[in-house]
Amino acid sequence: MIERLKAKESSVVRVANVQMRCEMELLNTPTTHEPFVAPERAADFLALSRKTVLKLARRGDLPGHPVGRGVRQMWRFCLSELSRWLECEAVKLDQPSGSE
C-alpha cells in the first residue's frame, strides 16, 4: 500500500515538474524571426475551427499575439508556440485525476 502511494506521488510530482517546465518555456520563449500566421493557419495546425482558436486566444488559454489597438484586434500566432502549448496540454491530459 505504501509503495503504491509512493509510486503515485512520484508520478504526480513528475507531471507537475513537466507542467512547470512547459509554463516556463512558454513565458521565456526567445524572440525569433519566425513568421506569424493568421488564425486560419493556426486553426489548421491545431485541427480546430478558426472561431475556437480566436476564442481561446482572447481568453488567454492559447498563446497568441493581438495586433492593433482598436475594438477589433487581429490575432497572429507562432506555430512553435502552438506546438509547445499542445505538448503542455497533452501533459495535463495525462495527469491522473484525484478521484481514484
N, C-alpha and C. Protein backbone atom coordinates (compact mmCIF):
# COMPACT_ATOMS: atom_id res chain seq x y z
N MET A 1 0.82 -1.19 0.00
CA MET A 1 0.00 0.00 0.00
C MET A 1 0.88 1.26 0.00
N ILE A 2 1.89 1.29 0.85
CA ILE A 2 2.77 2.45 0.92
C ILE A 2 3.55 2.61 -0.37
N GLU A 3 3.98 1.48 -0.95
CA GLU A 3 4.72 1.56 -2.22
C GLU A 3 3.84 2.13 -3.33
N ARG A 4 2.56 1.75 -3.35
CA ARG A 4 1.65 2.29 -4.36
C ARG A 4 1.47 3.79 -4.18
N LEU A 5 1.35 4.23 -2.92
CA LEU A 5 1.21 5.67 -2.66
C LEU A 5 2.46 6.43 -3.08
N LYS A 6 3.64 5.85 -2.79
CA LYS A 6 4.88 6.49 -3.20
C LYS A 6 5.00 6.57 -4.71
N ALA A 7 4.58 5.50 -5.41
CA ALA A 7 4.63 5.49 -6.87
C ALA A 7 3.68 6.54 -7.44
N LYS A 8 2.48 6.62 -6.86
CA LYS A 8 1.50 7.61 -7.32
C LYS A 8 2.01 9.02 -7.06
N GLU A 9 2.58 9.24 -5.88
CA GLU A 9 3.13 10.55 -5.54
C GLU A 9 4.26 10.93 -6.49
N SER A 10 5.11 9.97 -6.81
CA SER A 10 6.21 10.20 -7.74
C SER A 10 5.67 10.59 -9.11
N SER A 11 4.61 9.93 -9.55
CA SER A 11 4.00 10.23 -10.84
C SER A 11 3.44 11.65 -10.85
N VAL A 12 2.77 12.03 -9.77
CA VAL A 12 2.18 13.37 -9.68
C VAL A 12 3.27 14.43 -9.68
N VAL A 13 4.35 14.18 -8.96
CA VAL A 13 5.48 15.14 -8.93
C VAL A 13 6.09 15.27 -10.31
N ARG A 14 6.25 14.14 -11.01
CA ARG A 14 6.84 14.17 -12.35
C ARG A 14 5.97 15.00 -13.30
N VAL A 15 4.65 14.79 -13.23
CA VAL A 15 3.73 15.55 -14.09
C VAL A 15 3.79 17.04 -13.73
N ALA A 16 3.83 17.35 -12.45
CA ALA A 16 3.91 18.75 -12.02
C ALA A 16 5.20 19.40 -12.52
N ASN A 17 6.30 18.67 -12.48
CA ASN A 17 7.57 19.22 -12.96
C ASN A 17 7.52 19.50 -14.46
N VAL A 18 6.92 18.59 -15.22
CA VAL A 18 6.80 18.79 -16.67
C VAL A 18 5.90 19.98 -16.95
N GLN A 19 4.79 20.10 -16.21
CA GLN A 19 3.89 21.24 -16.41
C GLN A 19 4.61 22.56 -16.11
N MET A 20 5.38 22.58 -15.03
CA MET A 20 6.10 23.80 -14.68
C MET A 20 7.12 24.15 -15.77
N ARG A 21 7.82 23.14 -16.28
CA ARG A 21 8.79 23.39 -17.35
C ARG A 21 8.10 23.94 -18.58
N CYS A 22 6.92 23.37 -18.92
CA CYS A 22 6.19 23.85 -20.09
C CYS A 22 5.76 25.30 -19.91
N GLU A 23 5.25 25.63 -18.72
CA GLU A 23 4.82 27.00 -18.47
C GLU A 23 5.99 27.97 -18.53
N MET A 24 7.14 27.57 -17.99
CA MET A 24 8.32 28.43 -18.04
C MET A 24 8.80 28.61 -19.48
N GLU A 25 8.73 27.56 -20.28
CA GLU A 25 9.14 27.68 -21.68
C GLU A 25 8.23 28.64 -22.42
N LEU A 26 6.93 28.57 -22.14
CA LEU A 26 6.00 29.49 -22.80
C LEU A 26 6.28 30.93 -22.41
N LEU A 27 6.62 31.15 -21.14
CA LEU A 27 6.90 32.51 -20.68
C LEU A 27 8.25 33.03 -21.17
N ASN A 28 9.21 32.14 -21.31
CA ASN A 28 10.57 32.56 -21.66
C ASN A 28 10.95 32.23 -23.09
N THR A 29 9.98 32.25 -23.98
CA THR A 29 10.25 31.94 -25.37
C THR A 29 11.14 33.03 -25.96
N PRO A 30 12.30 32.67 -26.45
CA PRO A 30 13.17 33.70 -27.03
C PRO A 30 12.57 34.27 -28.31
N THR A 31 12.87 35.52 -28.56
CA THR A 31 12.38 36.15 -29.77
C THR A 31 13.12 35.57 -30.96
N THR A 32 12.37 35.07 -31.91
CA THR A 32 12.96 34.52 -33.11
C THR A 32 12.39 35.26 -34.31
N HIS A 33 12.86 34.90 -35.46
CA HIS A 33 12.36 35.53 -36.67
C HIS A 33 11.34 34.64 -37.35
N GLU A 34 10.64 33.88 -36.56
CA GLU A 34 9.60 33.02 -37.09
C GLU A 34 8.43 33.90 -37.55
N PRO A 35 7.91 33.64 -38.72
CA PRO A 35 6.78 34.46 -39.18
C PRO A 35 5.50 34.13 -38.41
N PHE A 36 4.70 35.15 -38.22
CA PHE A 36 3.40 34.95 -37.61
C PHE A 36 2.44 34.39 -38.66
N VAL A 37 1.47 33.62 -38.18
CA VAL A 37 0.47 33.08 -39.09
C VAL A 37 -0.91 33.59 -38.67
N ALA A 38 -1.82 33.58 -39.62
CA ALA A 38 -3.19 34.03 -39.40
C ALA A 38 -3.97 32.96 -38.62
N PRO A 39 -5.09 33.33 -38.03
CA PRO A 39 -5.90 32.37 -37.28
C PRO A 39 -6.31 31.14 -38.11
N GLU A 40 -6.51 31.32 -39.39
CA GLU A 40 -6.91 30.19 -40.24
C GLU A 40 -5.80 29.13 -40.27
N ARG A 41 -4.54 29.57 -40.40
CA ARG A 41 -3.41 28.64 -40.43
C ARG A 41 -3.22 27.99 -39.06
N ALA A 42 -3.39 28.77 -37.99
CA ALA A 42 -3.29 28.22 -36.64
C ALA A 42 -4.38 27.18 -36.41
N ALA A 43 -5.57 27.45 -36.91
CA ALA A 43 -6.69 26.51 -36.77
C ALA A 43 -6.39 25.21 -37.50
N ASP A 44 -5.83 25.31 -38.70
CA ASP A 44 -5.45 24.10 -39.44
C ASP A 44 -4.40 23.30 -38.67
N PHE A 45 -3.42 24.00 -38.12
CA PHE A 45 -2.34 23.35 -37.38
C PHE A 45 -2.87 22.61 -36.15
N LEU A 46 -3.84 23.22 -35.45
CA LEU A 46 -4.39 22.64 -34.22
C LEU A 46 -5.59 21.73 -34.47
N ALA A 47 -6.05 21.66 -35.70
CA ALA A 47 -7.25 20.88 -36.05
C ALA A 47 -8.46 21.38 -35.27
N LEU A 48 -8.57 22.71 -35.19
CA LEU A 48 -9.70 23.36 -34.56
C LEU A 48 -10.32 24.33 -35.55
N SER A 49 -11.47 24.86 -35.20
CA SER A 49 -12.06 25.87 -36.06
C SER A 49 -11.41 27.22 -35.78
N ARG A 50 -11.49 28.11 -36.75
CA ARG A 50 -10.94 29.46 -36.60
C ARG A 50 -11.59 30.16 -35.40
N LYS A 51 -12.89 29.97 -35.27
CA LYS A 51 -13.65 30.60 -34.19
C LYS A 51 -13.15 30.13 -32.81
N THR A 52 -12.87 28.84 -32.68
CA THR A 52 -12.37 28.29 -31.42
C THR A 52 -10.98 28.82 -31.11
N VAL A 53 -10.13 28.89 -32.11
CA VAL A 53 -8.77 29.42 -31.92
C VAL A 53 -8.85 30.86 -31.41
N LEU A 54 -9.67 31.68 -32.01
CA LEU A 54 -9.79 33.08 -31.58
C LEU A 54 -10.37 33.18 -30.18
N LYS A 55 -11.36 32.36 -29.86
CA LYS A 55 -11.96 32.37 -28.53
C LYS A 55 -10.92 32.00 -27.47
N LEU A 56 -10.14 30.95 -27.73
CA LEU A 56 -9.11 30.53 -26.78
C LEU A 56 -8.02 31.60 -26.61
N ALA A 57 -7.65 32.24 -27.70
CA ALA A 57 -6.63 33.30 -27.64
C ALA A 57 -7.15 34.50 -26.84
N ARG A 58 -8.37 34.90 -27.07
CA ARG A 58 -8.94 36.05 -26.35
C ARG A 58 -9.02 35.78 -24.85
N ARG A 59 -9.32 34.52 -24.48
CA ARG A 59 -9.40 34.14 -23.06
C ARG A 59 -8.03 34.00 -22.43
N GLY A 60 -6.98 33.95 -23.24
CA GLY A 60 -5.64 33.76 -22.72
C GLY A 60 -5.26 32.31 -22.54
N ASP A 61 -6.07 31.40 -23.06
CA ASP A 61 -5.79 29.97 -22.95
C ASP A 61 -4.87 29.47 -24.05
N LEU A 62 -4.69 30.23 -25.09
CA LEU A 62 -3.87 29.84 -26.23
C LEU A 62 -2.87 30.96 -26.50
N PRO A 63 -1.60 30.63 -26.71
CA PRO A 63 -0.63 31.70 -26.96
C PRO A 63 -0.89 32.38 -28.31
N GLY A 64 -1.16 33.65 -28.25
CA GLY A 64 -1.42 34.43 -29.45
C GLY A 64 -0.99 35.87 -29.24
N HIS A 65 -0.95 36.60 -30.32
CA HIS A 65 -0.48 37.99 -30.27
C HIS A 65 -1.51 38.89 -30.92
N PRO A 66 -2.19 39.73 -30.13
CA PRO A 66 -3.14 40.67 -30.73
C PRO A 66 -2.39 41.79 -31.44
N VAL A 67 -2.89 42.17 -32.58
CA VAL A 67 -2.27 43.24 -33.37
C VAL A 67 -3.29 44.36 -33.50
N GLY A 68 -2.88 45.56 -33.16
CA GLY A 68 -3.77 46.72 -33.26
C GLY A 68 -4.32 47.11 -31.91
N ARG A 69 -4.84 48.32 -31.86
CA ARG A 69 -5.36 48.85 -30.60
C ARG A 69 -6.85 49.15 -30.66
N GLY A 70 -7.47 48.88 -31.76
CA GLY A 70 -8.88 49.19 -31.91
C GLY A 70 -9.77 48.17 -31.23
N VAL A 71 -11.05 48.34 -31.44
CA VAL A 71 -12.03 47.43 -30.86
C VAL A 71 -11.86 46.04 -31.46
N ARG A 72 -11.60 45.99 -32.74
CA ARG A 72 -11.44 44.70 -33.43
C ARG A 72 -9.96 44.44 -33.68
N GLN A 73 -9.35 43.68 -32.78
CA GLN A 73 -7.93 43.35 -32.95
C GLN A 73 -7.77 42.16 -33.88
N MET A 74 -6.68 42.17 -34.61
CA MET A 74 -6.32 41.00 -35.41
C MET A 74 -5.41 40.15 -34.53
N TRP A 75 -5.51 38.85 -34.69
CA TRP A 75 -4.66 37.94 -33.93
C TRP A 75 -3.71 37.23 -34.86
N ARG A 76 -2.47 37.05 -34.39
CA ARG A 76 -1.46 36.31 -35.12
C ARG A 76 -0.83 35.30 -34.18
N PHE A 77 -0.32 34.23 -34.74
CA PHE A 77 0.18 33.11 -33.94
C PHE A 77 1.52 32.64 -34.46
N CYS A 78 2.34 32.08 -33.56
CA CYS A 78 3.60 31.42 -33.93
C CYS A 78 3.38 29.92 -33.80
N LEU A 79 3.68 29.19 -34.86
CA LEU A 79 3.45 27.75 -34.83
C LEU A 79 4.29 27.05 -33.77
N SER A 80 5.50 27.57 -33.49
CA SER A 80 6.33 26.94 -32.46
C SER A 80 5.69 27.09 -31.08
N GLU A 81 5.09 28.24 -30.80
CA GLU A 81 4.40 28.44 -29.53
C GLU A 81 3.18 27.52 -29.43
N LEU A 82 2.47 27.38 -30.54
CA LEU A 82 1.30 26.49 -30.54
C LEU A 82 1.72 25.04 -30.34
N SER A 83 2.85 24.66 -30.90
CA SER A 83 3.36 23.30 -30.73
C SER A 83 3.70 23.03 -29.27
N ARG A 84 4.38 23.97 -28.62
CA ARG A 84 4.71 23.82 -27.19
C ARG A 84 3.44 23.79 -26.35
N TRP A 85 2.46 24.61 -26.72
CA TRP A 85 1.19 24.63 -25.99
C TRP A 85 0.52 23.26 -26.09
N LEU A 86 0.55 22.66 -27.28
CA LEU A 86 -0.04 21.33 -27.45
C LEU A 86 0.66 20.30 -26.56
N GLU A 87 1.98 20.36 -26.50
CA GLU A 87 2.72 19.44 -25.65
C GLU A 87 2.32 19.59 -24.19
N CYS A 88 2.17 20.82 -23.74
CA CYS A 88 1.78 21.06 -22.35
C CYS A 88 0.36 20.58 -22.09
N GLU A 89 -0.53 20.79 -23.03
CA GLU A 89 -1.91 20.32 -22.87
C GLU A 89 -1.96 18.81 -22.82
N ALA A 90 -1.11 18.14 -23.58
CA ALA A 90 -1.07 16.68 -23.56
C ALA A 90 -0.62 16.19 -22.20
N VAL A 91 0.33 16.89 -21.58
CA VAL A 91 0.79 16.51 -20.24
C VAL A 91 -0.34 16.68 -19.24
N LYS A 92 -1.10 17.75 -19.35
CA LYS A 92 -2.22 17.98 -18.44
C LYS A 92 -3.26 16.88 -18.58
N LEU A 93 -3.49 16.40 -19.79
CA LEU A 93 -4.48 15.33 -20.01
C LEU A 93 -3.99 14.01 -19.44
N ASP A 94 -2.66 13.80 -19.41
CA ASP A 94 -2.11 12.56 -18.87
C ASP A 94 -2.08 12.56 -17.35
N GLN A 95 -2.34 13.73 -16.74
CA GLN A 95 -2.28 13.84 -15.29
C GLN A 95 -3.38 12.99 -14.67
N PRO A 96 -3.03 12.17 -13.65
CA PRO A 96 -4.06 11.34 -13.02
C PRO A 96 -5.06 12.21 -12.26
N SER A 97 -6.31 11.79 -12.31
CA SER A 97 -7.35 12.54 -11.60
C SER A 97 -7.31 12.15 -10.13
N GLY A 98 -7.83 12.99 -9.27
CA GLY A 98 -7.83 12.74 -7.85
C GLY A 98 -8.96 11.85 -7.37
N SER A 99 -9.78 11.35 -8.28
CA SER A 99 -10.95 10.56 -7.90
C SER A 99 -10.71 9.07 -8.12
N GLU A 100 -9.70 8.51 -7.46
CA GLU A 100 -9.45 7.07 -7.57
C GLU A 100 -9.72 6.38 -6.28
